[in-house]
N, C-alpha and C. Protein backbone atom coordinates (compact mmCIF):
# COMPACT_ATOMS: atom_id res chain seq x y z
N UNK A 1 -15.65 31.65 -14.17
CA UNK A 1 -14.82 31.05 -13.15
C UNK A 1 -14.30 29.71 -13.66
N UNK A 2 -13.00 29.50 -13.58
CA UNK A 2 -12.43 28.24 -14.05
C UNK A 2 -11.94 27.42 -12.86
N UNK A 3 -11.93 26.14 -13.07
CA UNK A 3 -11.50 25.21 -12.04
C UNK A 3 -10.28 24.47 -12.57
N UNK A 4 -9.19 24.48 -11.80
CA UNK A 4 -7.98 23.82 -12.25
C UNK A 4 -7.53 22.81 -11.20
N UNK A 5 -7.26 21.59 -11.65
CA UNK A 5 -6.80 20.54 -10.74
C UNK A 5 -5.31 20.71 -10.47
N UNK A 6 -4.94 20.48 -9.22
CA UNK A 6 -3.52 20.52 -8.86
C UNK A 6 -2.91 19.14 -9.11
N UNK A 7 -1.60 19.07 -9.04
CA UNK A 7 -0.91 17.79 -9.22
C UNK A 7 -1.35 16.78 -8.15
N UNK A 8 -1.54 17.23 -6.92
CA UNK A 8 -1.97 16.30 -5.86
C UNK A 8 -3.41 15.83 -6.10
N UNK A 9 -4.25 16.69 -6.68
CA UNK A 9 -5.62 16.27 -7.02
C UNK A 9 -5.57 15.16 -8.07
N UNK A 10 -4.71 15.31 -9.06
CA UNK A 10 -4.59 14.31 -10.12
C UNK A 10 -4.05 12.99 -9.58
N UNK A 11 -3.07 13.06 -8.68
CA UNK A 11 -2.53 11.84 -8.07
C UNK A 11 -3.59 11.14 -7.25
N UNK A 12 -4.38 11.91 -6.50
CA UNK A 12 -5.45 11.33 -5.69
C UNK A 12 -6.48 10.66 -6.59
N UNK A 13 -6.87 11.33 -7.67
CA UNK A 13 -7.84 10.75 -8.59
C UNK A 13 -7.30 9.47 -9.21
N UNK A 14 -6.02 9.47 -9.56
CA UNK A 14 -5.41 8.30 -10.16
C UNK A 14 -5.42 7.14 -9.16
N UNK A 15 -5.09 7.42 -7.91
CA UNK A 15 -5.04 6.36 -6.91
C UNK A 15 -6.42 5.79 -6.62
N UNK A 16 -7.46 6.56 -6.81
CA UNK A 16 -8.82 6.09 -6.54
C UNK A 16 -9.27 5.06 -7.58
N UNK A 17 -8.65 5.03 -8.73
CA UNK A 17 -9.05 4.12 -9.80
C UNK A 17 -7.98 3.10 -10.13
N UNK A 18 -7.03 2.92 -9.24
CA UNK A 18 -5.92 2.03 -9.52
C UNK A 18 -6.34 0.57 -9.43
N UNK A 19 -5.79 -0.20 -10.34
CA UNK A 19 -5.96 -1.64 -10.33
C UNK A 19 -4.65 -2.24 -9.84
N UNK A 20 -4.74 -3.45 -9.35
CA UNK A 20 -3.57 -4.17 -8.87
C UNK A 20 -2.52 -4.24 -9.97
N UNK A 21 -1.28 -3.98 -9.61
CA UNK A 21 -0.21 -4.00 -10.62
C UNK A 21 0.34 -5.40 -10.88
N UNK A 22 -0.17 -6.41 -10.16
CA UNK A 22 0.25 -7.79 -10.43
C UNK A 22 -0.28 -8.19 -11.80
N UNK A 23 0.59 -8.76 -12.60
CA UNK A 23 0.23 -9.12 -13.97
C UNK A 23 -1.01 -10.03 -13.99
N UNK A 24 -2.01 -9.63 -14.76
CA UNK A 24 -3.22 -10.42 -14.92
C UNK A 24 -4.30 -10.15 -13.88
N UNK A 25 -4.00 -9.37 -12.85
CA UNK A 25 -4.99 -9.10 -11.80
C UNK A 25 -5.73 -7.80 -12.13
N UNK A 26 -7.04 -7.85 -12.05
CA UNK A 26 -7.87 -6.68 -12.35
C UNK A 26 -8.59 -6.14 -11.12
N UNK A 27 -8.24 -6.65 -9.93
CA UNK A 27 -8.90 -6.22 -8.70
C UNK A 27 -8.50 -4.79 -8.33
N UNK A 28 -9.37 -4.13 -7.58
CA UNK A 28 -9.08 -2.79 -7.09
C UNK A 28 -7.89 -2.85 -6.14
N UNK A 29 -7.02 -1.86 -6.23
CA UNK A 29 -5.79 -1.86 -5.45
C UNK A 29 -5.83 -0.90 -4.28
N UNK A 30 -4.97 -1.19 -3.30
CA UNK A 30 -4.71 -0.26 -2.21
C UNK A 30 -3.30 0.30 -2.43
N UNK A 31 -3.04 1.49 -1.90
CA UNK A 31 -1.70 2.05 -1.97
C UNK A 31 -0.82 1.34 -0.97
N UNK A 32 0.32 0.85 -1.43
CA UNK A 32 1.27 0.16 -0.57
C UNK A 32 2.56 0.98 -0.54
N UNK A 33 3.08 1.20 0.67
CA UNK A 33 4.23 2.10 0.83
C UNK A 33 5.42 1.40 1.46
N UNK A 34 6.60 1.75 0.98
CA UNK A 34 7.82 1.30 1.63
C UNK A 34 8.90 2.35 1.46
N UNK A 35 9.88 2.30 2.34
CA UNK A 35 11.02 3.21 2.31
C UNK A 35 12.29 2.42 2.06
N UNK A 36 13.23 3.07 1.40
CA UNK A 36 14.49 2.41 1.09
C UNK A 36 15.61 3.44 1.14
N UNK A 37 16.70 3.08 1.79
CA UNK A 37 17.86 3.97 1.82
C UNK A 37 18.73 3.66 0.61
N UNK A 38 18.98 4.70 -0.18
CA UNK A 38 19.83 4.59 -1.36
C UNK A 38 20.84 5.71 -1.33
N UNK A 39 22.11 5.35 -1.35
CA UNK A 39 23.18 6.34 -1.32
C UNK A 39 22.99 7.33 -0.17
N UNK A 40 22.72 6.78 1.01
CA UNK A 40 22.57 7.55 2.26
C UNK A 40 21.36 8.50 2.26
N UNK A 41 20.42 8.29 1.37
CA UNK A 41 19.19 9.09 1.35
C UNK A 41 17.98 8.17 1.44
N UNK A 42 16.99 8.59 2.20
CA UNK A 42 15.77 7.83 2.35
C UNK A 42 14.81 8.18 1.21
N UNK A 43 14.34 7.14 0.51
CA UNK A 43 13.40 7.33 -0.59
C UNK A 43 12.11 6.59 -0.26
N UNK A 44 10.99 7.21 -0.59
CA UNK A 44 9.67 6.63 -0.36
C UNK A 44 9.12 6.12 -1.68
N UNK A 45 8.52 4.94 -1.64
CA UNK A 45 7.96 4.34 -2.86
C UNK A 45 6.52 3.92 -2.62
N UNK A 46 5.75 3.92 -3.68
CA UNK A 46 4.35 3.49 -3.63
C UNK A 46 4.12 2.46 -4.72
N UNK A 47 3.46 1.38 -4.34
CA UNK A 47 3.04 0.36 -5.29
C UNK A 47 1.54 0.16 -5.09
N UNK A 48 0.89 -0.49 -6.04
CA UNK A 48 -0.55 -0.70 -5.95
C UNK A 48 -0.86 -2.18 -6.11
N UNK A 49 -1.43 -2.78 -5.05
CA UNK A 49 -1.79 -4.19 -5.07
C UNK A 49 -3.18 -4.37 -4.46
N UNK A 50 -3.87 -5.41 -4.92
CA UNK A 50 -5.12 -5.80 -4.26
C UNK A 50 -4.72 -6.39 -2.90
N UNK A 51 -5.68 -6.63 -2.03
CA UNK A 51 -5.36 -7.15 -0.69
C UNK A 51 -4.57 -8.44 -0.76
N UNK A 52 -4.97 -9.35 -1.62
CA UNK A 52 -4.30 -10.66 -1.72
C UNK A 52 -2.83 -10.50 -2.12
N UNK A 53 -2.58 -9.72 -3.16
CA UNK A 53 -1.21 -9.55 -3.64
C UNK A 53 -0.40 -8.66 -2.72
N UNK A 54 -1.04 -7.74 -2.02
CA UNK A 54 -0.33 -6.91 -1.04
C UNK A 54 0.32 -7.80 0.01
N UNK A 55 -0.44 -8.75 0.53
CA UNK A 55 0.09 -9.65 1.56
C UNK A 55 1.23 -10.51 1.00
N UNK A 56 1.07 -11.00 -0.21
CA UNK A 56 2.11 -11.81 -0.84
C UNK A 56 3.42 -11.03 -0.95
N UNK A 57 3.31 -9.72 -1.22
CA UNK A 57 4.49 -8.88 -1.37
C UNK A 57 4.96 -8.27 -0.05
N UNK A 58 4.31 -8.63 1.07
CA UNK A 58 4.76 -8.20 2.39
C UNK A 58 4.12 -6.95 2.95
N UNK A 59 3.02 -6.50 2.34
CA UNK A 59 2.34 -5.30 2.81
C UNK A 59 1.13 -5.67 3.66
N UNK A 60 0.80 -4.79 4.62
CA UNK A 60 -0.43 -4.95 5.40
C UNK A 60 -1.61 -4.73 4.47
N UNK A 61 -2.58 -5.65 4.51
CA UNK A 61 -3.73 -5.51 3.61
C UNK A 61 -4.73 -4.46 4.07
N UNK A 62 -4.50 -3.87 5.23
CA UNK A 62 -5.38 -2.82 5.72
C UNK A 62 -4.80 -1.43 5.45
N UNK A 63 -3.57 -1.18 5.88
CA UNK A 63 -2.99 0.16 5.76
C UNK A 63 -1.98 0.30 4.63
N UNK A 64 -1.51 -0.83 4.07
CA UNK A 64 -0.57 -0.78 2.96
C UNK A 64 0.88 -0.55 3.34
N UNK A 65 1.19 -0.59 4.62
CA UNK A 65 2.57 -0.41 5.07
C UNK A 65 3.36 -1.69 4.86
N UNK A 66 4.60 -1.56 4.41
CA UNK A 66 5.44 -2.75 4.25
C UNK A 66 5.72 -3.30 5.65
N UNK A 67 5.27 -4.53 5.89
CA UNK A 67 5.35 -5.10 7.23
C UNK A 67 6.09 -6.43 7.29
N UNK A 68 6.54 -6.95 6.17
CA UNK A 68 7.17 -8.27 6.14
C UNK A 68 8.45 -8.34 6.95
N UNK A 69 9.06 -7.19 7.23
CA UNK A 69 10.31 -7.20 7.99
C UNK A 69 10.07 -7.41 9.48
N UNK A 70 8.83 -7.35 9.92
CA UNK A 70 8.51 -7.53 11.33
C UNK A 70 8.08 -8.97 11.59
N UNK A 71 8.54 -9.53 12.68
CA UNK A 71 8.20 -10.91 13.00
C UNK A 71 6.72 -11.08 13.31
N UNK A 72 6.05 -10.00 13.65
CA UNK A 72 4.63 -10.08 13.99
C UNK A 72 3.73 -10.10 12.75
N UNK A 73 4.31 -9.91 11.56
CA UNK A 73 3.51 -9.96 10.33
C UNK A 73 3.28 -11.43 10.01
N UNK A 74 2.04 -11.85 10.15
CA UNK A 74 1.75 -13.27 10.00
C UNK A 74 0.75 -13.51 8.87
N UNK A 75 0.24 -14.72 8.81
CA UNK A 75 -0.66 -15.10 7.72
C UNK A 75 -1.98 -14.33 7.70
N UNK A 76 -2.29 -13.59 8.77
CA UNK A 76 -3.51 -12.78 8.77
C UNK A 76 -3.42 -11.65 7.75
N UNK A 77 -2.19 -11.21 7.44
CA UNK A 77 -2.00 -10.14 6.47
C UNK A 77 -2.10 -8.75 7.05
N UNK A 78 -2.16 -8.65 8.37
CA UNK A 78 -2.25 -7.35 9.04
C UNK A 78 -0.95 -7.04 9.76
N UNK A 79 -0.52 -5.79 9.73
CA UNK A 79 0.64 -5.39 10.53
C UNK A 79 0.21 -5.39 12.00
N UNK A 80 1.16 -5.29 12.90
CA UNK A 80 0.86 -5.33 14.34
C UNK A 80 -0.09 -4.22 14.75
N UNK A 81 0.10 -3.03 14.17
CA UNK A 81 -0.76 -1.90 14.54
C UNK A 81 -2.20 -2.15 14.13
N UNK A 82 -2.41 -2.55 12.88
CA UNK A 82 -3.78 -2.79 12.40
C UNK A 82 -4.42 -3.99 13.10
N UNK A 83 -3.61 -4.99 13.38
CA UNK A 83 -4.13 -6.17 14.06
C UNK A 83 -4.62 -5.81 15.46
N UNK A 84 -3.85 -5.02 16.19
CA UNK A 84 -4.25 -4.65 17.55
C UNK A 84 -5.34 -3.58 17.53
N UNK A 85 -5.30 -2.70 16.52
CA UNK A 85 -6.29 -1.63 16.42
C UNK A 85 -7.68 -2.18 16.12
N UNK A 86 -7.75 -3.23 15.33
CA UNK A 86 -9.05 -3.76 14.94
C UNK A 86 -9.41 -5.02 15.71
N UNK A 87 -8.51 -5.43 16.63
CA UNK A 87 -8.77 -6.62 17.47
C UNK A 87 -8.95 -7.87 16.62
N UNK A 88 -8.15 -7.99 15.57
CA UNK A 88 -8.24 -9.15 14.67
C UNK A 88 -7.39 -10.27 15.24
N UNK A 89 -7.95 -11.46 15.28
CA UNK A 89 -7.20 -12.62 15.78
C UNK A 89 -6.95 -13.60 14.66
């Protein structure tokens, strides 16, 4: 019996060992996601940052969603959903 990994298995394994993509940072990363419209098509992108660099780049440090475009994204580093979901003040 042979076991073969699928492409999604390999992507998952890769994401589990990702380091922050900020130059010189070796901290463990979270997946950070954003969407962008290009030529009338919506494209999804993923970046990998540690919690500190995620916030600097505008991502929620809990869920990794790009949140800098919302006025409720503040110095706590949490998007409105995660902030209210976890009762963080």
